[in-house]
């Protein structure tokens, strides 16, 4: 229980929740832990959504699948982030995305219906959880707006520069959570063309990089 709590308290959803409340919450919200190996599918697109998942260890990829078989990595989530909360608040019963383990991963699942509705016991922490959920949804909306801004750029170079600007904060040197193929999928560009553009940007003295670590020059 203590191990779960140490991770959960770092997520906004559980802000202001004490350890004693968290222990009681595990039964109230029908919590279940589960382990996945790298590339295991946690949730397949079209399957029923009945949970919110908290990442205890490892990381997951949120993947959009098109009818022509092309997959696009929407984002990568790691400890202590959660997924599925947008579906919970929107009342979506079938997942529009596939969720896949990016590495060996442990997930703590919560019954989403029990998160967004008060229980019969009127638990004092439940109102706080609902308030925290609203704040999380607002933050996810800001992230979506950031991606829309990135994808609105006309050239691959402009998309890359905008992506770097939103992910680096105030740091000149930073790491991104994607490999080259995942980054190309995120930006909706051809991988070879993107790799060529990265090399041109390096030759132009704009950036330096080694694998997933980049530096703005």
N, C-alpha and C. Protein backbone atom coordinates (compact mmCIF):
# COMPACT_ATOMS: atom_id res chain seq x y z
N UNK A 1 0.83 -1.20 0.00
CA UNK A 1 0.00 0.00 0.00
C UNK A 1 0.87 1.26 0.00
N UNK A 2 1.88 1.27 0.85
CA UNK A 2 2.75 2.44 0.98
C UNK A 2 3.46 2.73 -0.34
N UNK A 3 3.89 1.67 -1.05
CA UNK A 3 4.58 1.85 -2.32
C UNK A 3 3.65 2.50 -3.34
N UNK A 4 2.41 2.02 -3.39
CA UNK A 4 1.42 2.61 -4.30
C UNK A 4 1.20 4.09 -3.96
N UNK A 5 1.09 4.39 -2.69
CA UNK A 5 0.80 5.75 -2.26
C UNK A 5 1.94 6.70 -2.60
N UNK A 6 3.18 6.24 -2.44
CA UNK A 6 4.33 7.10 -2.72
C UNK A 6 4.35 7.54 -4.18
N UNK A 7 3.85 6.68 -5.08
CA UNK A 7 3.75 7.06 -6.48
C UNK A 7 2.51 7.93 -6.71
N UNK A 8 1.37 7.49 -6.17
CA UNK A 8 0.09 8.17 -6.42
C UNK A 8 0.10 9.62 -5.95
N UNK A 9 0.74 9.90 -4.82
CA UNK A 9 0.70 11.26 -4.27
C UNK A 9 1.42 12.27 -5.15
N UNK A 10 2.22 11.79 -6.11
CA UNK A 10 2.93 12.69 -7.02
C UNK A 10 2.05 13.10 -8.21
N UNK A 11 0.88 12.46 -8.33
CA UNK A 11 -0.04 12.79 -9.41
C UNK A 11 -1.12 13.73 -8.91
N UNK A 12 -1.51 14.69 -9.74
CA UNK A 12 -2.49 15.69 -9.35
C UNK A 12 -3.81 15.08 -8.91
N UNK A 13 -4.17 13.92 -9.46
CA UNK A 13 -5.44 13.30 -9.10
C UNK A 13 -5.54 13.00 -7.61
N UNK A 14 -4.39 12.75 -6.97
CA UNK A 14 -4.39 12.38 -5.56
C UNK A 14 -3.82 13.48 -4.66
N UNK A 15 -3.75 14.68 -5.19
CA UNK A 15 -3.26 15.81 -4.41
C UNK A 15 -4.20 16.05 -3.22
N UNK A 16 -3.62 16.21 -2.02
CA UNK A 16 -4.41 16.48 -0.83
C UNK A 16 -5.00 15.24 -0.19
N UNK A 17 -4.64 14.05 -0.70
CA UNK A 17 -5.14 12.79 -0.14
C UNK A 17 -4.10 12.22 0.81
N UNK A 18 -4.48 11.92 2.05
CA UNK A 18 -3.56 11.36 3.04
C UNK A 18 -3.40 9.85 2.82
N UNK A 19 -2.39 9.28 3.45
CA UNK A 19 -2.16 7.84 3.32
C UNK A 19 -3.32 7.04 3.87
N UNK A 20 -3.89 7.47 5.00
CA UNK A 20 -5.02 6.75 5.59
C UNK A 20 -6.23 6.78 4.67
N UNK A 21 -6.48 7.95 4.03
CA UNK A 21 -7.58 8.04 3.08
C UNK A 21 -7.31 7.18 1.85
N UNK A 22 -6.04 7.16 1.43
CA UNK A 22 -5.67 6.38 0.25
C UNK A 22 -5.92 4.90 0.49
N UNK A 23 -5.63 4.41 1.69
CA UNK A 23 -5.88 3.01 2.02
C UNK A 23 -7.36 2.67 1.91
N UNK A 24 -8.20 3.54 2.43
CA UNK A 24 -9.65 3.31 2.35
C UNK A 24 -10.13 3.43 0.90
N UNK A 25 -9.50 4.29 0.16
CA UNK A 25 -9.88 4.52 -1.23
C UNK A 25 -9.67 3.29 -2.10
N UNK A 26 -8.66 2.49 -1.79
CA UNK A 26 -8.36 1.32 -2.61
C UNK A 26 -9.54 0.37 -2.71
N UNK A 27 -10.26 0.19 -1.62
CA UNK A 27 -11.45 -0.66 -1.64
C UNK A 27 -12.63 0.06 -2.29
N UNK A 28 -12.77 1.34 -1.98
CA UNK A 28 -13.88 2.14 -2.49
C UNK A 28 -13.86 2.22 -4.01
N UNK A 29 -12.68 2.32 -4.62
CA UNK A 29 -12.55 2.51 -6.06
C UNK A 29 -12.21 1.23 -6.81
N UNK A 30 -12.33 0.08 -6.13
CA UNK A 30 -12.09 -1.23 -6.76
C UNK A 30 -10.74 -1.27 -7.48
N UNK A 31 -9.69 -1.00 -6.74
CA UNK A 31 -8.35 -0.89 -7.32
C UNK A 31 -7.73 -2.26 -7.59
N UNK A 32 -7.07 -2.39 -8.75
CA UNK A 32 -6.39 -3.63 -9.12
C UNK A 32 -5.05 -3.32 -9.77
N UNK A 33 -3.94 -3.93 -9.29
CA UNK A 33 -2.64 -3.76 -9.95
C UNK A 33 -2.47 -4.79 -11.06
N UNK A 34 -1.64 -4.46 -12.07
CA UNK A 34 -1.36 -5.39 -13.16
C UNK A 34 0.01 -5.08 -13.74
N UNK A 35 0.68 -6.12 -14.24
CA UNK A 35 2.01 -5.98 -14.83
C UNK A 35 1.98 -6.33 -16.31
N UNK A 36 2.78 -5.59 -17.10
CA UNK A 36 2.86 -5.79 -18.54
C UNK A 36 4.31 -5.79 -18.99
N UNK A 37 4.61 -6.62 -19.99
CA UNK A 37 5.93 -6.61 -20.61
C UNK A 37 5.98 -5.61 -21.74
N UNK A 38 7.18 -5.32 -22.21
CA UNK A 38 7.35 -4.36 -23.30
C UNK A 38 6.53 -4.77 -24.51
N UNK A 39 5.82 -3.82 -25.11
CA UNK A 39 4.97 -3.98 -26.30
C UNK A 39 3.66 -4.71 -26.02
N UNK A 40 3.40 -5.10 -24.78
CA UNK A 40 2.10 -5.68 -24.46
C UNK A 40 1.01 -4.63 -24.63
N UNK A 41 -0.14 -5.06 -25.14
CA UNK A 41 -1.28 -4.14 -25.30
C UNK A 41 -2.06 -4.09 -23.99
N UNK A 42 -2.20 -2.90 -23.45
CA UNK A 42 -2.97 -2.69 -22.22
C UNK A 42 -4.43 -2.48 -22.54
N UNK A 43 -4.70 -1.73 -23.59
CA UNK A 43 -6.08 -1.49 -24.04
C UNK A 43 -6.06 -1.36 -25.56
N UNK A 44 -6.91 -2.12 -26.22
CA UNK A 44 -6.97 -2.09 -27.68
C UNK A 44 -8.07 -1.15 -28.15
N UNK A 45 -7.79 -0.43 -29.21
CA UNK A 45 -8.78 0.49 -29.78
C UNK A 45 -10.09 -0.24 -30.06
N UNK A 46 -11.20 0.33 -29.60
CA UNK A 46 -12.50 -0.28 -29.79
C UNK A 46 -12.98 -1.10 -28.60
N UNK A 47 -12.03 -1.44 -27.70
CA UNK A 47 -12.41 -2.21 -26.52
C UNK A 47 -13.12 -1.33 -25.48
N UNK A 48 -13.83 -1.97 -24.60
CA UNK A 48 -14.56 -1.26 -23.56
C UNK A 48 -13.61 -0.61 -22.57
N UNK A 49 -13.89 0.65 -22.23
CA UNK A 49 -13.09 1.37 -21.25
C UNK A 49 -13.84 1.36 -19.92
N UNK A 50 -13.21 0.83 -18.89
CA UNK A 50 -13.86 0.80 -17.59
C UNK A 50 -12.95 1.18 -16.46
N UNK A 51 -11.84 1.86 -16.79
CA UNK A 51 -10.85 2.12 -15.76
C UNK A 51 -10.05 3.39 -16.04
N UNK A 52 -9.41 3.87 -15.01
CA UNK A 52 -8.35 4.87 -15.10
C UNK A 52 -7.08 4.18 -14.61
N UNK A 53 -5.99 4.31 -15.35
CA UNK A 53 -4.74 3.64 -14.99
C UNK A 53 -3.69 4.60 -14.48
N UNK A 54 -3.08 4.26 -13.34
CA UNK A 54 -1.96 5.02 -12.79
C UNK A 54 -0.68 4.23 -13.05
N UNK A 55 0.31 4.86 -13.67
CA UNK A 55 1.57 4.18 -14.00
C UNK A 55 2.45 4.16 -12.76
N UNK A 56 2.70 2.97 -12.23
CA UNK A 56 3.54 2.80 -11.04
C UNK A 56 5.01 2.65 -11.42
N UNK A 57 5.27 2.02 -12.55
CA UNK A 57 6.65 1.88 -13.06
C UNK A 57 6.58 1.69 -14.56
N UNK A 58 7.67 2.05 -15.26
CA UNK A 58 7.70 1.92 -16.72
C UNK A 58 7.02 3.08 -17.42
N UNK A 59 6.50 2.85 -18.61
CA UNK A 59 5.84 3.89 -19.41
C UNK A 59 4.93 3.25 -20.44
N UNK A 60 3.99 4.04 -20.98
CA UNK A 60 3.05 3.54 -21.98
C UNK A 60 2.98 4.51 -23.15
N UNK A 61 2.59 3.97 -24.31
CA UNK A 61 2.38 4.77 -25.51
C UNK A 61 0.90 4.82 -25.83
N UNK A 62 0.40 6.01 -26.14
CA UNK A 62 -0.98 6.18 -26.59
C UNK A 62 -0.93 6.25 -28.11
N UNK A 63 -1.56 5.29 -28.79
CA UNK A 63 -1.42 5.14 -30.24
C UNK A 63 -2.76 5.30 -30.93
N UNK A 64 -2.77 6.11 -31.97
CA UNK A 64 -3.95 6.26 -32.82
C UNK A 64 -3.78 5.37 -34.04
N UNK A 65 -4.79 4.56 -34.33
CA UNK A 65 -4.73 3.63 -35.47
C UNK A 65 -5.71 4.07 -36.54
N UNK A 66 -5.22 4.20 -37.78
CA UNK A 66 -6.08 4.60 -38.90
C UNK A 66 -6.56 3.37 -39.66
N UNK A 67 -7.54 3.56 -40.53
CA UNK A 67 -8.11 2.45 -41.28
C UNK A 67 -7.11 1.84 -42.26
N UNK A 68 -6.13 2.63 -42.72
CA UNK A 68 -5.15 2.11 -43.66
C UNK A 68 -3.98 1.40 -42.97
N UNK A 69 -4.06 1.27 -41.65
CA UNK A 69 -3.03 0.53 -40.92
C UNK A 69 -1.88 1.36 -40.41
N UNK A 70 -1.90 2.66 -40.68
CA UNK A 70 -0.83 3.53 -40.19
C UNK A 70 -1.11 3.94 -38.75
N UNK A 71 -0.10 3.79 -37.90
CA UNK A 71 -0.24 4.14 -36.49
C UNK A 71 0.50 5.44 -36.20
N UNK A 72 -0.06 6.22 -35.30
CA UNK A 72 0.55 7.48 -34.90
C UNK A 72 0.62 7.53 -33.37
N UNK A 73 1.81 7.75 -32.83
CA UNK A 73 1.99 7.86 -31.39
C UNK A 73 1.54 9.25 -30.96
N UNK A 74 0.44 9.31 -30.23
CA UNK A 74 -0.07 10.59 -29.78
C UNK A 74 0.77 11.17 -28.66
N UNK A 75 1.16 10.30 -27.74
CA UNK A 75 2.00 10.73 -26.62
C UNK A 75 2.55 9.52 -25.90
N UNK A 76 3.55 9.74 -25.07
CA UNK A 76 4.11 8.71 -24.20
C UNK A 76 3.96 9.18 -22.76
N UNK A 77 3.45 8.29 -21.90
CA UNK A 77 3.23 8.62 -20.49
C UNK A 77 4.12 7.76 -19.61
N UNK A 78 4.61 8.34 -18.52
CA UNK A 78 5.50 7.62 -17.60
C UNK A 78 5.03 7.86 -16.16
N UNK A 79 5.78 7.32 -15.21
CA UNK A 79 5.48 7.48 -13.78
C UNK A 79 5.51 8.96 -13.40
N UNK A 80 4.54 9.52 -12.68
CA UNK A 80 3.35 8.88 -12.11
C UNK A 80 2.08 9.30 -12.83
N UNK A 81 2.11 9.32 -14.17
CA UNK A 81 0.97 9.83 -14.93
C UNK A 81 -0.16 8.82 -14.99
N UNK A 82 -1.36 9.30 -15.36
CA UNK A 82 -2.53 8.44 -15.49
C UNK A 82 -3.06 8.52 -16.91
N UNK A 83 -3.88 7.54 -17.28
CA UNK A 83 -4.54 7.55 -18.58
C UNK A 83 -5.95 6.99 -18.42
N UNK A 84 -6.82 7.35 -19.35
CA UNK A 84 -8.20 6.90 -19.32
C UNK A 84 -9.15 7.88 -18.66
N UNK A 85 -8.60 8.93 -18.02
CA UNK A 85 -9.46 9.87 -17.29
C UNK A 85 -10.31 10.72 -18.23
N UNK A 86 -9.82 10.98 -19.44
CA UNK A 86 -10.61 11.76 -20.39
C UNK A 86 -11.85 10.96 -20.81
N UNK A 87 -11.66 9.66 -21.03
CA UNK A 87 -12.79 8.82 -21.39
C UNK A 87 -13.82 8.78 -20.26
N UNK A 88 -13.32 8.76 -19.03
CA UNK A 88 -14.21 8.70 -17.87
C UNK A 88 -15.12 9.92 -17.81
N UNK A 89 -14.53 11.10 -17.96
CA UNK A 89 -15.31 12.32 -17.85
C UNK A 89 -16.20 12.56 -19.06
N UNK A 90 -15.79 12.05 -20.22
CA UNK A 90 -16.58 12.25 -21.44
C UNK A 90 -17.65 11.19 -21.62
N UNK A 91 -17.64 10.16 -20.77
CA UNK A 91 -18.62 9.09 -20.88
C UNK A 91 -18.38 8.19 -22.07
N UNK A 92 -17.13 8.13 -22.56
CA UNK A 92 -16.78 7.27 -23.70
C UNK A 92 -16.62 5.83 -23.21
N UNK A 93 -17.36 4.90 -23.81
CA UNK A 93 -17.32 3.51 -23.37
C UNK A 93 -16.37 2.65 -24.20
N UNK A 94 -16.06 3.08 -25.43
CA UNK A 94 -15.13 2.35 -26.28
C UNK A 94 -13.90 3.21 -26.57
N UNK A 95 -12.74 2.62 -26.39
CA UNK A 95 -11.50 3.39 -26.53
C UNK A 95 -11.24 3.76 -27.98
N UNK A 96 -10.95 5.04 -28.27
CA UNK A 96 -10.59 5.45 -29.62
C UNK A 96 -9.11 5.26 -29.91
N UNK A 97 -8.34 4.85 -28.91
CA UNK A 97 -6.89 4.68 -29.06
C UNK A 97 -6.46 3.33 -28.49
N UNK A 98 -5.25 2.92 -28.88
CA UNK A 98 -4.63 1.74 -28.29
C UNK A 98 -3.57 2.19 -27.30
N UNK A 99 -3.52 1.54 -26.16
CA UNK A 99 -2.53 1.85 -25.13
C UNK A 99 -1.60 0.66 -25.01
N UNK A 100 -0.31 0.90 -25.19
CA UNK A 100 0.69 -0.16 -25.25
C UNK A 100 1.84 0.13 -24.30
N UNK A 101 2.35 -0.91 -23.64
CA UNK A 101 3.49 -0.75 -22.75
C UNK A 101 4.75 -0.46 -23.57
N UNK A 102 5.44 0.64 -23.27
CA UNK A 102 6.67 0.99 -23.97
C UNK A 102 7.87 0.23 -23.40
N UNK A 103 7.70 -0.33 -22.22
CA UNK A 103 8.72 -1.11 -21.53
C UNK A 103 8.01 -1.94 -20.46
N UNK A 104 8.74 -2.71 -19.66
CA UNK A 104 8.09 -3.42 -18.57
C UNK A 104 7.41 -2.41 -17.66
N UNK A 105 6.12 -2.61 -17.43
CA UNK A 105 5.31 -1.58 -16.79
C UNK A 105 4.34 -2.18 -15.78
N UNK A 106 4.13 -1.47 -14.67
CA UNK A 106 3.12 -1.85 -13.69
C UNK A 106 2.08 -0.74 -13.62
N UNK A 107 0.81 -1.15 -13.67
CA UNK A 107 -0.31 -0.21 -13.68
C UNK A 107 -1.22 -0.49 -12.49
N UNK A 108 -1.74 0.58 -11.88
CA UNK A 108 -2.76 0.46 -10.85
C UNK A 108 -4.06 0.97 -11.45
N UNK A 109 -5.06 0.09 -11.58
CA UNK A 109 -6.32 0.43 -12.22
C UNK A 109 -7.38 0.81 -11.20
N UNK A 110 -8.15 1.87 -11.53
CA UNK A 110 -9.26 2.33 -10.71
C UNK A 110 -10.54 2.27 -11.54
N UNK A 111 -11.63 1.86 -10.94
CA UNK A 111 -12.93 1.87 -11.60
C UNK A 111 -13.33 3.33 -11.84
N UNK A 112 -13.43 3.74 -13.11
CA UNK A 112 -13.63 5.17 -13.40
C UNK A 112 -15.00 5.66 -12.96
N UNK A 113 -16.01 4.80 -13.00
CA UNK A 113 -17.34 5.22 -12.58
C UNK A 113 -17.35 5.58 -11.09
N UNK A 114 -16.55 4.85 -10.32
CA UNK A 114 -16.50 5.10 -8.88
C UNK A 114 -15.65 6.33 -8.56
N UNK A 115 -14.82 6.76 -9.52
CA UNK A 115 -14.03 7.97 -9.30
C UNK A 115 -14.90 9.21 -9.48
N UNK A 116 -15.74 9.20 -10.51
CA UNK A 116 -16.47 10.42 -10.85
C UNK A 116 -17.83 10.52 -10.19
N UNK A 117 -18.22 9.50 -9.41
CA UNK A 117 -19.49 9.57 -8.69
C UNK A 117 -19.24 9.31 -7.20
N UNK A 118 -19.93 10.06 -6.36
CA UNK A 118 -19.77 9.90 -4.91
C UNK A 118 -20.34 8.56 -4.47
N UNK A 119 -19.66 7.92 -3.51
CA UNK A 119 -20.11 6.63 -3.02
C UNK A 119 -21.17 6.81 -1.93
N UNK A 120 -21.83 5.71 -1.55
CA UNK A 120 -22.88 5.76 -0.53
C UNK A 120 -22.34 6.18 0.83
N UNK A 121 -21.05 5.90 1.06
CA UNK A 121 -20.46 6.24 2.36
C UNK A 121 -20.11 7.72 2.46
N UNK A 122 -20.25 8.45 1.34
CA UNK A 122 -19.92 9.88 1.29
C UNK A 122 -18.51 10.11 1.86
N UNK A 123 -17.54 9.43 1.29
CA UNK A 123 -16.15 9.52 1.74
C UNK A 123 -15.66 10.97 1.60
N UNK A 124 -15.02 11.52 2.62
CA UNK A 124 -14.59 12.93 2.58
C UNK A 124 -13.59 13.22 1.47
N UNK A 125 -12.82 12.20 1.06
CA UNK A 125 -11.80 12.44 0.04
C UNK A 125 -12.38 12.38 -1.38
N UNK A 126 -13.62 11.90 -1.51
CA UNK A 126 -14.15 11.69 -2.86
C UNK A 126 -14.39 13.02 -3.59
N UNK A 127 -14.88 14.02 -2.86
CA UNK A 127 -15.08 15.34 -3.48
C UNK A 127 -13.75 15.91 -3.95
N UNK A 128 -12.70 15.65 -3.19
CA UNK A 128 -11.37 16.15 -3.56
C UNK A 128 -10.89 15.46 -4.84
N UNK A 129 -11.15 14.16 -4.96
CA UNK A 129 -10.76 13.41 -6.15
C UNK A 129 -11.46 13.98 -7.39
N UNK A 130 -12.75 14.27 -7.27
CA UNK A 130 -13.50 14.81 -8.40
C UNK A 130 -12.96 16.19 -8.80
N UNK A 131 -12.66 17.02 -7.81
CA UNK A 131 -12.08 18.34 -8.08
C UNK A 131 -10.73 18.20 -8.78
N UNK A 132 -9.91 17.28 -8.28
CA UNK A 132 -8.60 17.05 -8.90
C UNK A 132 -8.74 16.55 -10.34
N UNK A 133 -9.77 15.72 -10.57
CA UNK A 133 -9.99 15.21 -11.93
C UNK A 133 -10.29 16.34 -12.90
N UNK A 134 -11.08 17.31 -12.48
CA UNK A 134 -11.39 18.46 -13.34
C UNK A 134 -10.12 19.24 -13.69
N UNK A 135 -9.22 19.39 -12.71
CA UNK A 135 -7.96 20.08 -12.97
C UNK A 135 -7.10 19.30 -13.97
N UNK A 136 -7.10 17.99 -13.85
CA UNK A 136 -6.34 17.15 -14.78
C UNK A 136 -6.86 17.29 -16.20
N UNK A 137 -8.17 17.28 -16.35
CA UNK A 137 -8.77 17.41 -17.68
C UNK A 137 -8.39 18.75 -18.30
N UNK A 138 -8.38 19.80 -17.49
CA UNK A 138 -7.99 21.12 -17.99
C UNK A 138 -6.54 21.11 -18.49
N UNK A 139 -5.66 20.44 -17.75
CA UNK A 139 -4.25 20.36 -18.17
C UNK A 139 -4.11 19.57 -19.47
N UNK A 140 -4.87 18.47 -19.59
CA UNK A 140 -4.81 17.68 -20.81
C UNK A 140 -5.29 18.51 -22.01
N UNK A 141 -6.25 19.37 -21.78
CA UNK A 141 -6.75 20.23 -22.84
C UNK A 141 -5.65 21.19 -23.31
N UNK A 142 -4.86 21.70 -22.38
CA UNK A 142 -3.75 22.58 -22.75
C UNK A 142 -2.71 21.82 -23.58
N UNK A 143 -2.44 20.57 -23.19
CA UNK A 143 -1.48 19.75 -23.95
C UNK A 143 -1.98 19.49 -25.36
N UNK A 144 -3.29 19.26 -25.50
CA UNK A 144 -3.86 19.04 -26.82
C UNK A 144 -3.72 20.28 -27.68
N UNK A 145 -3.93 21.44 -27.07
CA UNK A 145 -3.77 22.69 -27.80
C UNK A 145 -2.33 22.88 -28.27
N UNK A 146 -1.37 22.43 -27.44
CA UNK A 146 0.04 22.51 -27.84
C UNK A 146 0.30 21.65 -29.08
N UNK A 147 -0.27 20.44 -29.09
CA UNK A 147 -0.04 19.58 -30.24
C UNK A 147 -0.69 20.15 -31.49
N UNK A 148 -1.87 20.72 -31.34
CA UNK A 148 -2.54 21.35 -32.49
C UNK A 148 -1.66 22.47 -33.05
N UNK A 149 -1.04 23.25 -32.15
CA UNK A 149 -0.15 24.32 -32.60
C UNK A 149 1.04 23.75 -33.36
N UNK A 150 1.62 22.67 -32.86
CA UNK A 150 2.77 22.05 -33.53
C UNK A 150 2.38 21.56 -34.92
N UNK A 151 1.26 20.84 -35.02
CA UNK A 151 0.84 20.25 -36.29
C UNK A 151 0.36 21.31 -37.28
N UNK A 152 0.04 22.50 -36.79
CA UNK A 152 -0.42 23.57 -37.69
C UNK A 152 0.73 24.18 -38.48
N UNK A 153 1.98 23.92 -38.06
CA UNK A 153 3.13 24.46 -38.78
C UNK A 153 3.25 23.80 -40.14
N UNK A 154 3.66 24.55 -41.15
CA UNK A 154 3.61 24.08 -42.53
C UNK A 154 4.78 23.20 -42.91
N UNK A 155 5.97 23.45 -42.36
CA UNK A 155 7.14 22.68 -42.76
C UNK A 155 7.60 21.77 -41.63
N UNK A 156 8.36 20.75 -42.01
CA UNK A 156 8.89 19.83 -41.00
C UNK A 156 9.81 20.54 -40.03
N UNK A 157 10.62 21.48 -40.53
CA UNK A 157 11.52 22.23 -39.65
C UNK A 157 10.72 23.05 -38.64
N UNK A 158 9.69 23.70 -39.09
CA UNK A 158 8.88 24.51 -38.18
C UNK A 158 8.20 23.64 -37.13
N UNK A 159 7.75 22.46 -37.54
CA UNK A 159 7.13 21.53 -36.58
C UNK A 159 8.15 21.09 -35.54
N UNK A 160 9.36 20.78 -35.97
CA UNK A 160 10.41 20.35 -35.05
C UNK A 160 10.76 21.47 -34.07
N UNK A 161 10.93 22.67 -34.58
CA UNK A 161 11.29 23.79 -33.71
C UNK A 161 10.19 24.08 -32.69
N UNK A 162 8.94 24.00 -33.13
CA UNK A 162 7.83 24.23 -32.21
C UNK A 162 7.75 23.12 -31.17
N UNK A 163 7.97 21.88 -31.60
CA UNK A 163 7.98 20.74 -30.68
C UNK A 163 9.07 20.90 -29.63
N UNK A 164 10.28 21.26 -30.07
CA UNK A 164 11.38 21.46 -29.13
C UNK A 164 11.07 22.58 -28.14
N UNK A 165 10.48 23.64 -28.66
CA UNK A 165 10.19 24.79 -27.81
C UNK A 165 9.19 24.44 -26.71
N UNK A 166 8.19 23.61 -27.02
CA UNK A 166 7.18 23.25 -26.02
C UNK A 166 7.67 22.19 -25.04
N UNK A 167 8.69 21.42 -25.42
CA UNK A 167 9.14 20.33 -24.56
C UNK A 167 10.40 20.65 -23.74
N UNK A 168 11.10 21.69 -24.10
CA UNK A 168 12.35 21.94 -23.40
C UNK A 168 12.20 22.88 -22.21
N UNK A 169 11.07 23.58 -22.11
CA UNK A 169 10.93 24.55 -21.04
C UNK A 169 11.95 25.66 -21.20
N UNK A 170 12.72 25.91 -20.15
CA UNK A 170 13.75 26.95 -20.22
C UNK A 170 15.15 26.36 -20.43
N UNK A 171 15.23 25.04 -20.57
CA UNK A 171 16.53 24.37 -20.71
C UNK A 171 16.99 24.40 -22.16
N UNK A 172 18.29 24.56 -22.35
CA UNK A 172 18.86 24.48 -23.69
C UNK A 172 19.12 23.03 -24.10
N UNK A 173 19.41 22.18 -23.10
CA UNK A 173 19.67 20.77 -23.37
C UNK A 173 18.59 19.95 -22.69
N UNK A 174 17.99 19.03 -23.41
CA UNK A 174 16.84 18.30 -22.89
C UNK A 174 16.70 16.96 -23.62
N UNK A 175 15.94 16.06 -23.03
CA UNK A 175 15.66 14.76 -23.64
C UNK A 175 14.19 14.68 -23.99
N UNK A 176 13.88 13.99 -25.09
CA UNK A 176 12.49 13.79 -25.49
C UNK A 176 12.13 12.32 -25.28
N UNK A 177 10.84 11.99 -25.09
CA UNK A 177 10.45 10.61 -24.78
C UNK A 177 10.21 9.74 -26.01
N UNK A 178 10.65 10.18 -27.20
CA UNK A 178 10.37 9.44 -28.43
C UNK A 178 11.66 9.06 -29.15
N UNK A 179 11.64 7.89 -29.83
CA UNK A 179 12.69 7.59 -30.79
C UNK A 179 12.31 8.26 -32.11
N UNK A 180 13.11 8.07 -33.16
CA UNK A 180 12.88 8.79 -34.41
C UNK A 180 11.54 8.42 -35.05
N UNK A 181 11.21 7.16 -35.05
CA UNK A 181 9.96 6.74 -35.66
C UNK A 181 8.76 7.30 -34.89
N UNK A 182 8.83 7.26 -33.57
CA UNK A 182 7.74 7.78 -32.74
C UNK A 182 7.59 9.28 -32.89
N UNK A 183 8.74 9.99 -33.01
CA UNK A 183 8.69 11.44 -33.18
C UNK A 183 8.06 11.79 -34.53
N UNK A 184 8.42 11.04 -35.57
CA UNK A 184 7.83 11.28 -36.89
C UNK A 184 6.32 11.04 -36.86
N UNK A 185 5.89 9.99 -36.15
CA UNK A 185 4.46 9.72 -36.03
C UNK A 185 3.76 10.84 -35.26
N UNK A 186 4.40 11.32 -34.20
CA UNK A 186 3.82 12.40 -33.40
C UNK A 186 3.63 13.66 -34.25
N UNK A 187 4.62 13.95 -35.09
CA UNK A 187 4.59 15.17 -35.91
C UNK A 187 3.82 14.98 -37.22
N UNK A 188 3.43 13.70 -37.49
CA UNK A 188 2.72 13.38 -38.74
C UNK A 188 3.55 13.74 -39.97
N UNK A 189 4.81 13.34 -39.95
CA UNK A 189 5.71 13.58 -41.08
C UNK A 189 6.43 12.27 -41.44
N UNK A 190 7.03 12.24 -42.63
CA UNK A 190 7.80 11.08 -43.05
C UNK A 190 9.08 10.97 -42.22
N UNK A 191 9.40 9.76 -41.77
CA UNK A 191 10.56 9.59 -40.89
C UNK A 191 11.87 9.97 -41.60
N UNK A 192 12.05 9.54 -42.82
CA UNK A 192 13.30 9.84 -43.54
C UNK A 192 13.45 11.34 -43.78
N UNK A 193 12.35 11.97 -44.16
CA UNK A 193 12.39 13.42 -44.38
C UNK A 193 12.69 14.16 -43.09
N UNK A 194 12.13 13.68 -41.98
CA UNK A 194 12.39 14.32 -40.69
C UNK A 194 13.85 14.15 -40.28
N UNK A 195 14.39 12.95 -40.48
CA UNK A 195 15.79 12.70 -40.13
C UNK A 195 16.72 13.58 -40.95
N UNK A 196 16.41 13.74 -42.23
CA UNK A 196 17.20 14.62 -43.09
C UNK A 196 17.13 16.07 -42.61
N UNK A 197 15.93 16.49 -42.18
CA UNK A 197 15.76 17.86 -41.71
C UNK A 197 16.52 18.09 -40.42
N UNK A 198 16.54 17.09 -39.53
CA UNK A 198 17.31 17.21 -38.29
C UNK A 198 18.81 17.40 -38.60
N UNK A 199 19.30 16.64 -39.58
CA UNK A 199 20.71 16.79 -39.96
C UNK A 199 20.98 18.17 -40.55
N UNK A 200 20.05 18.68 -41.35
CA UNK A 200 20.21 20.02 -41.92
C UNK A 200 20.21 21.08 -40.83
N UNK A 201 19.34 20.91 -39.84
CA UNK A 201 19.29 21.86 -38.72
C UNK A 201 20.58 21.83 -37.93
N UNK A 202 21.15 20.63 -37.79
CA UNK A 202 22.45 20.52 -37.10
C UNK A 202 23.55 21.19 -37.91
N UNK A 203 23.54 20.96 -39.22
CA UNK A 203 24.55 21.57 -40.08
C UNK A 203 24.41 23.10 -40.13
N UNK A 204 23.19 23.58 -39.96
CA UNK A 204 22.94 25.03 -39.95
C UNK A 204 23.26 25.65 -38.60
N UNK A 205 23.67 24.84 -37.64
CA UNK A 205 24.05 25.37 -36.33
C UNK A 205 22.88 25.70 -35.42
N UNK A 206 21.69 25.13 -35.73
CA UNK A 206 20.52 25.41 -34.91
C UNK A 206 20.44 24.50 -33.69
N UNK A 207 20.80 23.23 -33.90
CA UNK A 207 20.68 22.25 -32.83
C UNK A 207 21.88 21.31 -32.84
N UNK A 208 22.04 20.61 -31.72
CA UNK A 208 22.97 19.48 -31.61
C UNK A 208 22.17 18.36 -30.98
N UNK A 209 22.49 17.12 -31.33
CA UNK A 209 21.73 16.02 -30.73
C UNK A 209 22.54 14.73 -30.73
N UNK A 210 22.21 13.89 -29.79
CA UNK A 210 22.72 12.53 -29.71
C UNK A 210 21.60 11.63 -29.23
N UNK A 211 21.14 10.76 -30.11
CA UNK A 211 19.97 9.91 -29.84
C UNK A 211 18.77 10.80 -29.47
N UNK A 212 18.24 10.66 -28.24
CA UNK A 212 17.04 11.39 -27.87
C UNK A 212 17.34 12.65 -27.07
N UNK A 213 18.60 13.03 -26.96
CA UNK A 213 19.00 14.24 -26.25
C UNK A 213 19.33 15.34 -27.24
N UNK A 214 18.69 16.50 -27.07
CA UNK A 214 18.86 17.61 -28.00
C UNK A 214 19.34 18.84 -27.25
N UNK A 215 19.99 19.72 -28.01
CA UNK A 215 20.45 20.99 -27.46
C UNK A 215 20.17 22.10 -28.45
N UNK A 216 19.57 23.18 -27.96
CA UNK A 216 19.34 24.36 -28.78
C UNK A 216 20.59 25.23 -28.74
N UNK A 217 21.16 25.51 -29.90
CA UNK A 217 22.43 26.25 -29.97
C UNK A 217 22.20 27.75 -30.14
